[in-house]
């Protein structure tokens, strides 16, 4: 599944490589790869395949939970698709508490003690995911895990999630994206080396 999903993301044009003009991530760090999974939403056939794979993944995990919890913003549509496909309840998690009204960070109909399965599109350094977990826990909800489309397999993310006791399950990952990029001859040798060096040490990585 992981290699097929990586190929799908490349075919749709979700993955961009730019070693000379690196992208800036939500964490503030820079890097040579950007995966825009929002593009999937505009392609019905590919969208259905991703949703089908997510559904298969969730069913295989056999987790006990009350709600899918989509992370704002890119995780929300996939949480909605999954909730519809599996006839489950859904809530969504803001990046921070709302600045007006009731000041909610978690939106939907839930009660304290409910269990949620988080849904995210991509996990890089996991800082956004940690914020979401903290917000969910403040509402008295229990996190049973997180499913995502892409995991960049970063050491910092692994450490953060281990510290919080959160298990991450992905459809594909950095290793498979690079593998497929090379199979399709979409990386020069220098670009491949830069991707690997960035992945090993993103904080101190330098572009071309």
N, C-alpha and C. Protein backbone atom coordinates (compact mmCIF):
# COMPACT_ATOMS: atom_id res chain seq x y z
N UNK A 1 0.82 -1.21 0.00
CA UNK A 1 0.00 0.00 0.00
C UNK A 1 0.86 1.27 0.00
N UNK A 2 1.92 1.30 0.80
CA UNK A 2 2.70 2.53 0.97
C UNK A 2 3.29 3.03 -0.34
N UNK A 3 3.82 2.11 -1.15
CA UNK A 3 4.41 2.52 -2.42
C UNK A 3 3.33 2.96 -3.40
N UNK A 4 2.19 2.29 -3.42
CA UNK A 4 1.10 2.67 -4.32
C UNK A 4 0.55 4.05 -3.98
N UNK A 5 0.42 4.34 -2.68
CA UNK A 5 -0.07 5.66 -2.27
C UNK A 5 0.95 6.73 -2.65
N UNK A 6 2.23 6.43 -2.50
CA UNK A 6 3.27 7.39 -2.90
C UNK A 6 3.18 7.69 -4.39
N UNK A 7 2.95 6.66 -5.20
CA UNK A 7 2.80 6.86 -6.64
C UNK A 7 1.58 7.71 -6.96
N UNK A 8 0.48 7.46 -6.24
CA UNK A 8 -0.74 8.25 -6.45
C UNK A 8 -0.49 9.73 -6.15
N UNK A 9 0.19 10.01 -5.04
CA UNK A 9 0.46 11.40 -4.66
C UNK A 9 1.34 12.09 -5.70
N UNK A 10 2.30 11.36 -6.25
CA UNK A 10 3.16 11.93 -7.28
C UNK A 10 2.38 12.16 -8.57
N UNK A 11 1.51 11.22 -8.94
CA UNK A 11 0.73 11.35 -10.16
C UNK A 11 -0.22 12.54 -10.09
N UNK A 12 -0.78 12.78 -8.92
CA UNK A 12 -1.71 13.91 -8.74
C UNK A 12 -0.96 15.24 -8.71
N UNK A 13 0.33 15.19 -8.40
CA UNK A 13 1.12 16.42 -8.32
C UNK A 13 1.19 16.99 -6.92
N UNK A 14 0.96 16.15 -5.93
CA UNK A 14 1.00 16.62 -4.54
C UNK A 14 2.42 16.91 -4.07
N UNK A 15 3.40 16.17 -4.60
CA UNK A 15 4.77 16.25 -4.10
C UNK A 15 5.62 17.18 -4.97
N UNK A 16 6.24 18.15 -4.33
CA UNK A 16 7.13 19.09 -5.02
C UNK A 16 8.51 19.04 -4.37
N UNK A 17 9.56 19.09 -5.21
CA UNK A 17 10.93 19.10 -4.74
C UNK A 17 11.58 20.41 -5.17
N UNK A 18 12.19 21.12 -4.22
CA UNK A 18 12.84 22.38 -4.54
C UNK A 18 14.04 22.60 -3.63
N UNK A 19 15.17 21.95 -3.93
CA UNK A 19 16.36 22.09 -3.08
C UNK A 19 16.95 23.50 -3.06
N UNK A 20 16.85 24.23 -4.17
CA UNK A 20 17.46 25.56 -4.23
C UNK A 20 16.58 26.64 -3.60
N UNK A 21 15.27 26.43 -3.59
CA UNK A 21 14.34 27.36 -2.94
C UNK A 21 13.48 26.56 -1.97
N UNK A 22 14.02 26.27 -0.79
CA UNK A 22 13.33 25.38 0.15
C UNK A 22 12.01 25.95 0.64
N UNK A 23 11.14 25.05 1.03
CA UNK A 23 9.83 25.41 1.57
C UNK A 23 9.95 25.67 3.07
N UNK A 24 9.07 26.52 3.58
CA UNK A 24 9.01 26.78 5.01
C UNK A 24 7.81 26.04 5.58
N UNK A 25 8.04 25.20 6.60
CA UNK A 25 6.98 24.40 7.19
C UNK A 25 6.33 25.11 8.37
N UNK A 26 5.24 24.53 8.86
CA UNK A 26 4.51 25.11 9.99
C UNK A 26 5.40 25.24 11.22
N UNK A 27 6.38 24.36 11.34
CA UNK A 27 7.30 24.39 12.48
C UNK A 27 8.29 25.54 12.41
N UNK A 28 8.38 26.18 11.22
CA UNK A 28 9.36 27.24 11.02
C UNK A 28 10.63 26.74 10.35
N UNK A 29 10.83 25.42 10.34
CA UNK A 29 11.99 24.84 9.68
C UNK A 29 11.80 24.88 8.16
N UNK A 30 12.91 24.78 7.44
CA UNK A 30 12.87 24.76 5.98
C UNK A 30 13.28 23.40 5.47
N UNK A 31 12.80 23.05 4.28
CA UNK A 31 13.15 21.76 3.70
C UNK A 31 12.92 21.73 2.21
N UNK A 32 13.47 20.73 1.52
CA UNK A 32 13.42 20.67 0.05
C UNK A 32 12.21 19.94 -0.51
N UNK A 33 11.31 19.45 0.35
CA UNK A 33 10.15 18.69 -0.14
C UNK A 33 8.87 19.25 0.45
N UNK A 34 7.83 19.30 -0.37
CA UNK A 34 6.52 19.75 0.10
C UNK A 34 5.46 18.82 -0.47
N UNK A 35 4.61 18.32 0.41
CA UNK A 35 3.55 17.41 -0.01
C UNK A 35 2.19 18.05 0.28
N UNK A 36 1.53 18.52 -0.78
CA UNK A 36 0.25 19.22 -0.64
C UNK A 36 -0.89 18.23 -0.90
N UNK A 37 -1.30 17.54 0.16
CA UNK A 37 -2.35 16.52 0.02
C UNK A 37 -3.73 17.11 -0.23
N UNK A 38 -3.87 18.42 -0.08
CA UNK A 38 -5.17 19.05 -0.37
C UNK A 38 -5.57 18.88 -1.84
N UNK A 39 -4.58 18.70 -2.70
CA UNK A 39 -4.87 18.50 -4.13
C UNK A 39 -5.69 17.25 -4.37
N UNK A 40 -5.56 16.27 -3.49
CA UNK A 40 -6.31 15.02 -3.65
C UNK A 40 -7.81 15.30 -3.71
N UNK A 41 -8.27 16.29 -2.94
CA UNK A 41 -9.69 16.59 -2.85
C UNK A 41 -10.29 16.96 -4.20
N UNK A 42 -9.47 17.47 -5.10
CA UNK A 42 -9.95 17.92 -6.41
C UNK A 42 -9.98 16.81 -7.46
N UNK A 43 -9.56 15.61 -7.08
CA UNK A 43 -9.49 14.49 -8.02
C UNK A 43 -10.32 13.33 -7.48
N UNK A 44 -11.57 13.21 -7.93
CA UNK A 44 -12.49 12.22 -7.36
C UNK A 44 -11.96 10.79 -7.32
N UNK A 45 -11.34 10.33 -8.38
CA UNK A 45 -10.85 8.95 -8.43
C UNK A 45 -9.74 8.74 -7.41
N UNK A 46 -8.78 9.64 -7.38
CA UNK A 46 -7.68 9.53 -6.43
C UNK A 46 -8.17 9.72 -5.01
N UNK A 47 -9.11 10.64 -4.83
CA UNK A 47 -9.69 10.86 -3.50
C UNK A 47 -10.36 9.60 -2.99
N UNK A 48 -11.11 8.94 -3.85
CA UNK A 48 -11.79 7.70 -3.46
C UNK A 48 -10.78 6.62 -3.08
N UNK A 49 -9.65 6.58 -3.79
CA UNK A 49 -8.62 5.58 -3.50
C UNK A 49 -7.98 5.85 -2.13
N UNK A 50 -7.69 7.12 -1.86
CA UNK A 50 -7.10 7.49 -0.57
C UNK A 50 -8.07 7.17 0.57
N UNK A 51 -9.33 7.53 0.39
CA UNK A 51 -10.34 7.27 1.43
C UNK A 51 -10.49 5.76 1.64
N UNK A 52 -10.48 5.02 0.54
CA UNK A 52 -10.58 3.56 0.65
C UNK A 52 -9.41 2.96 1.41
N UNK A 53 -8.22 3.49 1.16
CA UNK A 53 -7.03 3.01 1.87
C UNK A 53 -7.07 3.39 3.34
N UNK A 54 -7.53 4.61 3.64
CA UNK A 54 -7.67 5.02 5.03
C UNK A 54 -8.69 4.14 5.76
N UNK A 55 -9.79 3.86 5.07
CA UNK A 55 -10.82 3.00 5.65
C UNK A 55 -10.25 1.62 5.95
N UNK A 56 -9.52 1.06 4.99
CA UNK A 56 -8.91 -0.25 5.17
C UNK A 56 -7.94 -0.24 6.36
N UNK A 57 -7.16 0.85 6.46
CA UNK A 57 -6.21 0.97 7.57
C UNK A 57 -6.93 1.01 8.91
N UNK A 58 -7.97 1.84 9.01
CA UNK A 58 -8.71 1.97 10.27
C UNK A 58 -9.35 0.64 10.67
N UNK A 59 -9.96 -0.02 9.72
CA UNK A 59 -10.61 -1.30 10.01
C UNK A 59 -9.58 -2.32 10.49
N UNK A 60 -8.41 -2.33 9.87
CA UNK A 60 -7.37 -3.30 10.24
C UNK A 60 -6.84 -3.05 11.64
N UNK A 61 -6.88 -1.80 12.09
CA UNK A 61 -6.37 -1.47 13.43
C UNK A 61 -7.30 -1.97 14.53
N UNK A 62 -8.59 -2.06 14.20
CA UNK A 62 -9.59 -2.57 15.14
C UNK A 62 -9.53 -1.84 16.49
N UNK A 63 -9.51 -0.51 16.43
CA UNK A 63 -9.44 0.31 17.63
C UNK A 63 -10.83 0.62 18.17
N UNK A 64 -10.93 0.78 19.45
CA UNK A 64 -12.19 1.15 20.09
C UNK A 64 -12.22 2.66 20.27
N UNK A 65 -13.11 3.36 19.54
CA UNK A 65 -13.21 4.81 19.67
C UNK A 65 -14.62 5.28 19.33
N UNK A 66 -14.93 6.49 19.80
CA UNK A 66 -16.28 7.04 19.62
C UNK A 66 -16.39 8.02 18.46
N UNK A 67 -15.30 8.74 18.18
CA UNK A 67 -15.34 9.78 17.14
C UNK A 67 -14.04 9.79 16.33
N UNK A 68 -14.17 10.05 15.04
CA UNK A 68 -13.02 10.50 14.27
C UNK A 68 -12.82 11.97 14.63
N UNK A 69 -11.57 12.40 14.77
CA UNK A 69 -11.29 13.79 15.09
C UNK A 69 -10.33 14.36 14.05
N UNK A 70 -10.87 15.15 13.11
CA UNK A 70 -10.06 15.73 12.05
C UNK A 70 -9.30 16.95 12.53
N UNK A 71 -8.01 17.02 12.20
CA UNK A 71 -7.19 18.17 12.57
C UNK A 71 -7.31 19.26 11.52
N UNK A 72 -7.57 20.48 11.98
CA UNK A 72 -7.69 21.60 11.07
C UNK A 72 -6.32 21.91 10.42
N UNK A 73 -6.35 22.20 9.12
CA UNK A 73 -7.56 22.12 8.32
C UNK A 73 -7.59 20.87 7.42
N UNK A 74 -6.41 20.41 7.03
CA UNK A 74 -6.35 19.38 5.99
C UNK A 74 -6.84 18.01 6.44
N UNK A 75 -6.88 17.77 7.75
CA UNK A 75 -7.36 16.48 8.23
C UNK A 75 -8.88 16.39 8.29
N UNK A 76 -9.55 17.55 8.27
CA UNK A 76 -11.01 17.57 8.45
C UNK A 76 -11.76 16.83 7.35
N UNK A 77 -11.48 17.11 6.06
CA UNK A 77 -12.26 16.40 5.03
C UNK A 77 -12.08 14.89 5.07
N UNK A 78 -10.89 14.43 5.35
CA UNK A 78 -10.66 12.99 5.37
C UNK A 78 -11.33 12.35 6.58
N UNK A 79 -11.40 13.06 7.69
CA UNK A 79 -12.15 12.57 8.85
C UNK A 79 -13.63 12.47 8.50
N UNK A 80 -14.14 13.45 7.75
CA UNK A 80 -15.55 13.44 7.34
C UNK A 80 -15.84 12.26 6.40
N UNK A 81 -14.93 12.03 5.44
CA UNK A 81 -15.11 10.90 4.53
C UNK A 81 -15.13 9.58 5.30
N UNK A 82 -14.19 9.44 6.23
CA UNK A 82 -14.10 8.21 7.02
C UNK A 82 -15.34 8.01 7.90
N UNK A 83 -15.79 9.09 8.53
CA UNK A 83 -16.97 9.01 9.38
C UNK A 83 -18.19 8.57 8.58
N UNK A 84 -18.30 9.08 7.35
CA UNK A 84 -19.41 8.70 6.48
C UNK A 84 -19.29 7.24 6.07
N UNK A 85 -18.08 6.83 5.65
CA UNK A 85 -17.88 5.47 5.15
C UNK A 85 -18.11 4.42 6.25
N UNK A 86 -17.71 4.75 7.47
CA UNK A 86 -17.78 3.78 8.57
C UNK A 86 -18.93 4.06 9.54
N UNK A 87 -19.78 5.02 9.16
CA UNK A 87 -20.96 5.35 9.97
C UNK A 87 -20.58 5.64 11.42
N UNK A 88 -19.57 6.50 11.57
CA UNK A 88 -19.10 6.89 12.90
C UNK A 88 -19.31 8.39 13.11
N UNK A 89 -19.29 8.78 14.36
CA UNK A 89 -19.35 10.20 14.71
C UNK A 89 -18.04 10.90 14.35
N UNK A 90 -18.12 12.20 14.14
CA UNK A 90 -16.92 12.99 13.84
C UNK A 90 -16.93 14.30 14.60
N UNK A 91 -15.76 14.71 15.07
CA UNK A 91 -15.53 16.05 15.60
C UNK A 91 -14.32 16.60 14.87
N UNK A 92 -14.02 17.89 15.08
CA UNK A 92 -12.77 18.38 14.52
C UNK A 92 -12.05 19.26 15.54
N UNK A 93 -10.74 19.35 15.35
CA UNK A 93 -9.87 20.01 16.32
C UNK A 93 -9.23 21.24 15.68
N UNK A 94 -9.46 22.40 16.28
CA UNK A 94 -8.82 23.63 15.81
C UNK A 94 -7.34 23.64 16.22
N UNK A 95 -6.55 24.46 15.54
CA UNK A 95 -5.14 24.57 15.90
C UNK A 95 -4.96 25.24 17.26
N UNK A 96 -5.94 26.06 17.64
CA UNK A 96 -5.96 26.68 18.96
C UNK A 96 -7.40 27.02 19.31
N UNK A 97 -7.71 27.26 20.59
CA UNK A 97 -9.09 27.56 20.97
C UNK A 97 -9.64 28.76 20.21
N UNK A 98 -10.91 28.69 19.87
CA UNK A 98 -11.57 29.78 19.16
C UNK A 98 -11.53 31.05 20.00
N UNK A 99 -11.31 32.18 19.36
CA UNK A 99 -11.15 33.43 20.09
C UNK A 99 -12.45 34.11 20.45
N UNK A 100 -13.59 33.48 20.15
CA UNK A 100 -14.88 34.08 20.49
C UNK A 100 -15.87 32.96 20.82
N UNK A 101 -17.09 33.32 21.14
CA UNK A 101 -18.11 32.33 21.49
C UNK A 101 -17.71 31.55 22.72
N UNK A 102 -17.78 30.22 22.64
CA UNK A 102 -17.45 29.38 23.79
C UNK A 102 -15.95 29.08 23.90
N UNK A 103 -15.18 29.56 22.95
CA UNK A 103 -13.74 29.35 23.00
C UNK A 103 -13.32 27.91 22.80
N UNK A 104 -14.11 27.16 22.04
CA UNK A 104 -13.83 25.74 21.84
C UNK A 104 -12.59 25.51 20.98
N UNK A 105 -11.85 24.46 21.30
CA UNK A 105 -10.81 23.97 20.39
C UNK A 105 -11.28 22.72 19.67
N UNK A 106 -12.16 21.98 20.33
CA UNK A 106 -12.77 20.79 19.71
C UNK A 106 -14.23 21.10 19.42
N UNK A 107 -14.64 20.88 18.18
CA UNK A 107 -16.00 21.19 17.76
C UNK A 107 -16.76 19.91 17.42
N UNK A 108 -17.99 19.84 17.88
CA UNK A 108 -18.82 18.68 17.61
C UNK A 108 -19.59 18.27 18.86
N UNK A 109 -20.31 17.19 18.75
CA UNK A 109 -21.12 16.70 19.87
C UNK A 109 -20.39 15.53 20.53
N UNK A 110 -19.83 15.80 21.70
CA UNK A 110 -19.06 14.79 22.42
C UNK A 110 -19.22 15.00 23.91
N UNK A 111 -18.75 14.04 24.68
CA UNK A 111 -18.80 14.18 26.14
C UNK A 111 -17.48 13.73 26.75
N UNK A 112 -17.21 14.19 27.93
CA UNK A 112 -15.97 13.85 28.61
C UNK A 112 -15.85 12.33 28.75
N UNK A 113 -14.65 11.84 28.46
CA UNK A 113 -14.40 10.40 28.53
C UNK A 113 -14.51 9.70 27.20
N UNK A 114 -15.05 10.38 26.18
CA UNK A 114 -15.13 9.77 24.84
C UNK A 114 -13.72 9.54 24.27
N UNK A 115 -13.61 8.52 23.42
CA UNK A 115 -12.34 8.20 22.78
C UNK A 115 -12.35 8.69 21.32
N UNK A 116 -11.21 9.27 20.90
CA UNK A 116 -11.13 9.79 19.53
C UNK A 116 -9.94 9.20 18.79
N UNK A 117 -10.13 9.01 17.49
CA UNK A 117 -9.04 8.64 16.59
C UNK A 117 -8.73 9.87 15.74
N UNK A 118 -7.55 10.44 15.91
CA UNK A 118 -7.17 11.64 15.18
C UNK A 118 -6.92 11.33 13.71
N UNK A 119 -7.27 12.29 12.85
CA UNK A 119 -7.04 12.14 11.41
C UNK A 119 -6.27 13.37 10.92
N UNK A 120 -5.09 13.15 10.38
CA UNK A 120 -4.23 14.22 9.88
C UNK A 120 -3.82 13.89 8.45
N UNK A 121 -3.44 14.91 7.68
CA UNK A 121 -3.02 14.60 6.30
C UNK A 121 -1.53 14.27 6.24
N UNK A 122 -0.71 15.02 7.02
CA UNK A 122 0.74 14.82 6.96
C UNK A 122 1.35 15.14 8.32
N UNK A 123 2.33 14.34 8.72
CA UNK A 123 3.05 14.60 9.98
C UNK A 123 4.52 14.81 9.65
N UNK A 124 5.02 16.00 10.01
CA UNK A 124 6.42 16.33 9.79
C UNK A 124 7.14 16.30 11.14
N UNK A 125 7.17 17.43 11.84
CA UNK A 125 7.79 17.47 13.17
C UNK A 125 6.80 17.12 14.28
N UNK A 126 5.51 17.00 13.93
CA UNK A 126 4.44 16.62 14.86
C UNK A 126 4.07 17.70 15.86
N UNK A 127 4.54 18.93 15.66
CA UNK A 127 4.19 20.00 16.59
C UNK A 127 2.70 20.31 16.56
N UNK A 128 2.11 20.33 15.38
CA UNK A 128 0.67 20.58 15.26
C UNK A 128 -0.13 19.44 15.87
N UNK A 129 0.36 18.23 15.70
CA UNK A 129 -0.32 17.07 16.26
C UNK A 129 -0.27 17.09 17.78
N UNK A 130 0.85 17.50 18.34
CA UNK A 130 0.97 17.61 19.80
C UNK A 130 -0.01 18.66 20.33
N UNK A 131 -0.11 19.80 19.63
CA UNK A 131 -1.06 20.84 20.05
C UNK A 131 -2.48 20.31 20.03
N UNK A 132 -2.80 19.52 19.01
CA UNK A 132 -4.15 18.95 18.90
C UNK A 132 -4.41 17.96 20.03
N UNK A 133 -3.43 17.12 20.33
CA UNK A 133 -3.58 16.14 21.41
C UNK A 133 -3.81 16.85 22.74
N UNK A 134 -3.05 17.90 22.98
CA UNK A 134 -3.22 18.66 24.22
C UNK A 134 -4.61 19.28 24.29
N UNK A 135 -5.08 19.82 23.16
CA UNK A 135 -6.41 20.43 23.12
C UNK A 135 -7.51 19.42 23.36
N UNK A 136 -7.36 18.24 22.77
CA UNK A 136 -8.34 17.18 22.94
C UNK A 136 -8.39 16.71 24.40
N UNK A 137 -7.22 16.56 24.99
CA UNK A 137 -7.15 16.10 26.38
C UNK A 137 -7.75 17.12 27.34
N UNK A 138 -7.60 18.41 27.02
CA UNK A 138 -8.19 19.45 27.87
C UNK A 138 -9.71 19.35 27.91
N UNK A 139 -10.28 18.80 26.85
CA UNK A 139 -11.73 18.63 26.79
C UNK A 139 -12.17 17.30 27.43
N UNK A 140 -11.21 16.59 28.01
CA UNK A 140 -11.54 15.34 28.69
C UNK A 140 -11.69 14.15 27.77
N UNK A 141 -11.15 14.27 26.54
CA UNK A 141 -11.24 13.19 25.57
C UNK A 141 -9.96 12.34 25.59
N UNK A 142 -10.09 11.09 25.24
CA UNK A 142 -8.96 10.16 25.22
C UNK A 142 -8.56 9.88 23.78
N UNK A 143 -7.28 10.00 23.48
CA UNK A 143 -6.77 9.75 22.14
C UNK A 143 -6.30 8.30 22.04
N UNK A 144 -6.85 7.57 21.06
CA UNK A 144 -6.45 6.16 20.89
C UNK A 144 -5.39 6.00 19.81
N UNK A 145 -5.11 7.06 19.06
CA UNK A 145 -4.10 7.00 18.01
C UNK A 145 -4.36 8.06 16.95
N UNK A 146 -3.54 8.04 15.92
CA UNK A 146 -3.70 8.98 14.81
C UNK A 146 -3.40 8.27 13.49
N UNK A 147 -4.27 8.49 12.50
CA UNK A 147 -4.00 8.01 11.14
C UNK A 147 -3.71 9.21 10.26
N UNK A 148 -2.81 9.04 9.30
CA UNK A 148 -2.47 10.14 8.40
C UNK A 148 -2.16 9.57 7.02
N UNK A 149 -2.08 10.45 6.05
CA UNK A 149 -1.75 10.03 4.69
C UNK A 149 -0.24 9.86 4.56
N UNK A 150 0.53 10.87 5.03
CA UNK A 150 1.98 10.84 4.89
C UNK A 150 2.67 11.07 6.23
N UNK A 151 3.64 10.24 6.52
CA UNK A 151 4.50 10.41 7.69
C UNK A 151 5.92 10.67 7.18
N UNK A 152 6.49 11.82 7.54
CA UNK A 152 7.86 12.12 7.11
C UNK A 152 8.91 11.35 7.91
N UNK A 153 8.49 10.58 8.88
CA UNK A 153 9.40 9.71 9.66
C UNK A 153 10.53 10.49 10.33
N UNK A 154 10.20 11.63 10.88
CA UNK A 154 11.20 12.46 11.54
C UNK A 154 11.46 11.99 12.98
N UNK A 155 12.72 12.01 13.38
CA UNK A 155 13.08 11.60 14.74
C UNK A 155 12.38 12.46 15.79
N UNK A 156 12.29 13.77 15.52
CA UNK A 156 11.65 14.68 16.48
C UNK A 156 10.18 14.32 16.67
N UNK A 157 9.51 13.95 15.57
CA UNK A 157 8.10 13.57 15.66
C UNK A 157 7.95 12.27 16.44
N UNK A 158 8.81 11.30 16.15
CA UNK A 158 8.76 10.03 16.87
C UNK A 158 8.90 10.24 18.37
N UNK A 159 9.86 11.12 18.75
CA UNK A 159 10.10 11.38 20.17
C UNK A 159 8.89 12.05 20.81
N UNK A 160 8.32 13.05 20.14
CA UNK A 160 7.15 13.76 20.69
C UNK A 160 5.98 12.81 20.89
N UNK A 161 5.74 11.97 19.90
CA UNK A 161 4.60 11.05 19.99
C UNK A 161 4.83 9.97 21.04
N UNK A 162 6.06 9.48 21.12
CA UNK A 162 6.38 8.50 22.16
C UNK A 162 6.17 9.09 23.55
N UNK A 163 6.60 10.34 23.73
CA UNK A 163 6.45 11.01 25.03
C UNK A 163 4.99 11.15 25.43
N UNK A 164 4.11 11.30 24.42
CA UNK A 164 2.68 11.47 24.70
C UNK A 164 1.91 10.15 24.64
N UNK A 165 2.63 9.08 24.28
CA UNK A 165 1.97 7.78 24.21
C UNK A 165 1.00 7.66 23.05
N UNK A 166 1.27 8.37 21.95
CA UNK A 166 0.39 8.36 20.78
C UNK A 166 0.99 7.52 19.66
N UNK A 167 0.23 6.56 19.15
CA UNK A 167 0.68 5.73 18.03
C UNK A 167 0.21 6.36 16.71
N UNK A 168 1.13 6.42 15.75
CA UNK A 168 0.85 7.00 14.44
C UNK A 168 0.83 5.91 13.38
N UNK A 169 -0.21 5.95 12.53
CA UNK A 169 -0.36 4.97 11.45
C UNK A 169 -0.53 5.75 10.14
N UNK A 170 0.29 5.44 9.13
CA UNK A 170 0.25 6.22 7.89
C UNK A 170 0.02 5.34 6.67
N UNK A 171 -0.48 5.97 5.59
CA UNK A 171 -0.65 5.27 4.33
C UNK A 171 0.67 5.16 3.58
N UNK A 172 1.51 6.20 3.70
CA UNK A 172 2.83 6.16 3.08
C UNK A 172 3.76 7.03 3.90
N UNK A 173 5.03 7.12 3.48
CA UNK A 173 6.01 7.84 4.27
C UNK A 173 7.14 8.39 3.40
N UNK A 174 8.06 9.09 4.06
CA UNK A 174 9.18 9.72 3.36
C UNK A 174 10.00 8.71 2.57
N UNK A 175 10.28 7.58 3.18
CA UNK A 175 11.09 6.54 2.54
C UNK A 175 10.47 6.12 1.21
N UNK A 176 9.16 5.90 1.19
CA UNK A 176 8.51 5.46 -0.04
C UNK A 176 8.37 6.57 -1.06
N UNK A 177 8.19 7.81 -0.61
CA UNK A 177 8.14 8.94 -1.55
C UNK A 177 9.47 9.07 -2.29
N UNK A 178 10.58 8.99 -1.55
CA UNK A 178 11.90 9.09 -2.18
C UNK A 178 12.14 7.91 -3.12
N UNK A 179 11.73 6.73 -2.70
CA UNK A 179 11.90 5.53 -3.53
C UNK A 179 11.18 5.68 -4.87
N UNK A 180 9.94 6.15 -4.84
CA UNK A 180 9.16 6.30 -6.07
C UNK A 180 9.70 7.44 -6.93
N UNK A 181 10.13 8.53 -6.29
CA UNK A 181 10.73 9.63 -7.04
C UNK A 181 11.95 9.15 -7.82
N UNK A 182 12.75 8.31 -7.20
CA UNK A 182 13.93 7.76 -7.88
C UNK A 182 13.54 6.78 -8.97
N UNK A 183 12.53 5.96 -8.72
CA UNK A 183 12.06 5.01 -9.74
C UNK A 183 11.54 5.72 -10.97
N UNK A 184 10.93 6.89 -10.76
CA UNK A 184 10.39 7.66 -11.87
C UNK A 184 11.42 8.63 -12.46
N UNK A 185 12.66 8.54 -11.97
CA UNK A 185 13.76 9.41 -12.43
C UNK A 185 13.42 10.88 -12.28
N UNK A 186 12.76 11.22 -11.18
CA UNK A 186 12.37 12.60 -10.92
C UNK A 186 13.32 13.29 -9.94
N UNK A 187 14.41 12.61 -9.59
CA UNK A 187 15.43 13.19 -8.72
C UNK A 187 16.80 13.05 -9.36
N UNK A 188 17.58 14.13 -9.32
CA UNK A 188 18.98 14.00 -9.68
C UNK A 188 19.72 13.37 -8.50
N UNK A 189 20.92 12.93 -8.73
CA UNK A 189 21.72 12.34 -7.64
C UNK A 189 21.94 13.36 -6.52
N UNK A 190 22.17 14.61 -6.91
CA UNK A 190 22.39 15.67 -5.91
C UNK A 190 21.12 15.93 -5.11
N UNK A 191 19.97 15.96 -5.80
CA UNK A 191 18.70 16.18 -5.10
C UNK A 191 18.39 15.06 -4.12
N UNK A 192 18.69 13.83 -4.52
CA UNK A 192 18.48 12.69 -3.64
C UNK A 192 19.35 12.82 -2.39
N UNK A 193 20.60 13.20 -2.56
CA UNK A 193 21.51 13.35 -1.43
C UNK A 193 21.03 14.48 -0.50
N UNK A 194 20.52 15.55 -1.09
CA UNK A 194 20.02 16.67 -0.28
C UNK A 194 18.79 16.27 0.53
N UNK A 195 17.91 15.50 -0.10
CA UNK A 195 16.73 15.01 0.62
C UNK A 195 17.12 14.15 1.81
N UNK A 196 18.08 13.26 1.60
CA UNK A 196 18.53 12.37 2.67
C UNK A 196 19.21 13.15 3.78
N UNK A 197 20.06 14.13 3.41
CA UNK A 197 20.76 14.93 4.42
C UNK A 197 19.77 15.78 5.21
N UNK A 198 18.74 16.31 4.53
CA UNK A 198 17.71 17.08 5.23
C UNK A 198 16.97 16.19 6.23
N UNK A 199 16.63 15.00 5.81
CA UNK A 199 15.87 14.10 6.67
C UNK A 199 16.67 13.70 7.91
N UNK A 200 17.97 13.57 7.77
CA UNK A 200 18.82 13.20 8.90
C UNK A 200 18.94 14.32 9.92
N UNK A 201 18.98 15.59 9.44
CA UNK A 201 19.19 16.71 10.35
C UNK A 201 18.48 17.95 9.82
N UNK A 202 17.14 18.00 9.92
CA UNK A 202 16.38 19.12 9.34
C UNK A 202 16.70 20.48 9.96
N UNK A 203 17.11 20.50 11.22
CA UNK A 203 17.38 21.79 11.88
C UNK A 203 18.63 22.46 11.31
N UNK A 204 19.61 21.67 10.91
CA UNK A 204 20.87 22.23 10.44
C UNK A 204 21.08 22.05 8.94
N UNK A 205 20.00 21.67 8.25
CA UNK A 205 20.12 21.43 6.81
C UNK A 205 20.34 22.72 6.05
N UNK A 206 21.16 22.66 5.00
CA UNK A 206 21.42 23.82 4.13
C UNK A 206 21.08 23.46 2.70
N UNK A 207 20.40 24.40 2.02
CA UNK A 207 20.00 24.15 0.63
C UNK A 207 21.19 24.36 -0.30
N UNK A 208 20.98 24.11 -1.58
CA UNK A 208 22.03 24.27 -2.58
C UNK A 208 22.50 25.72 -2.62
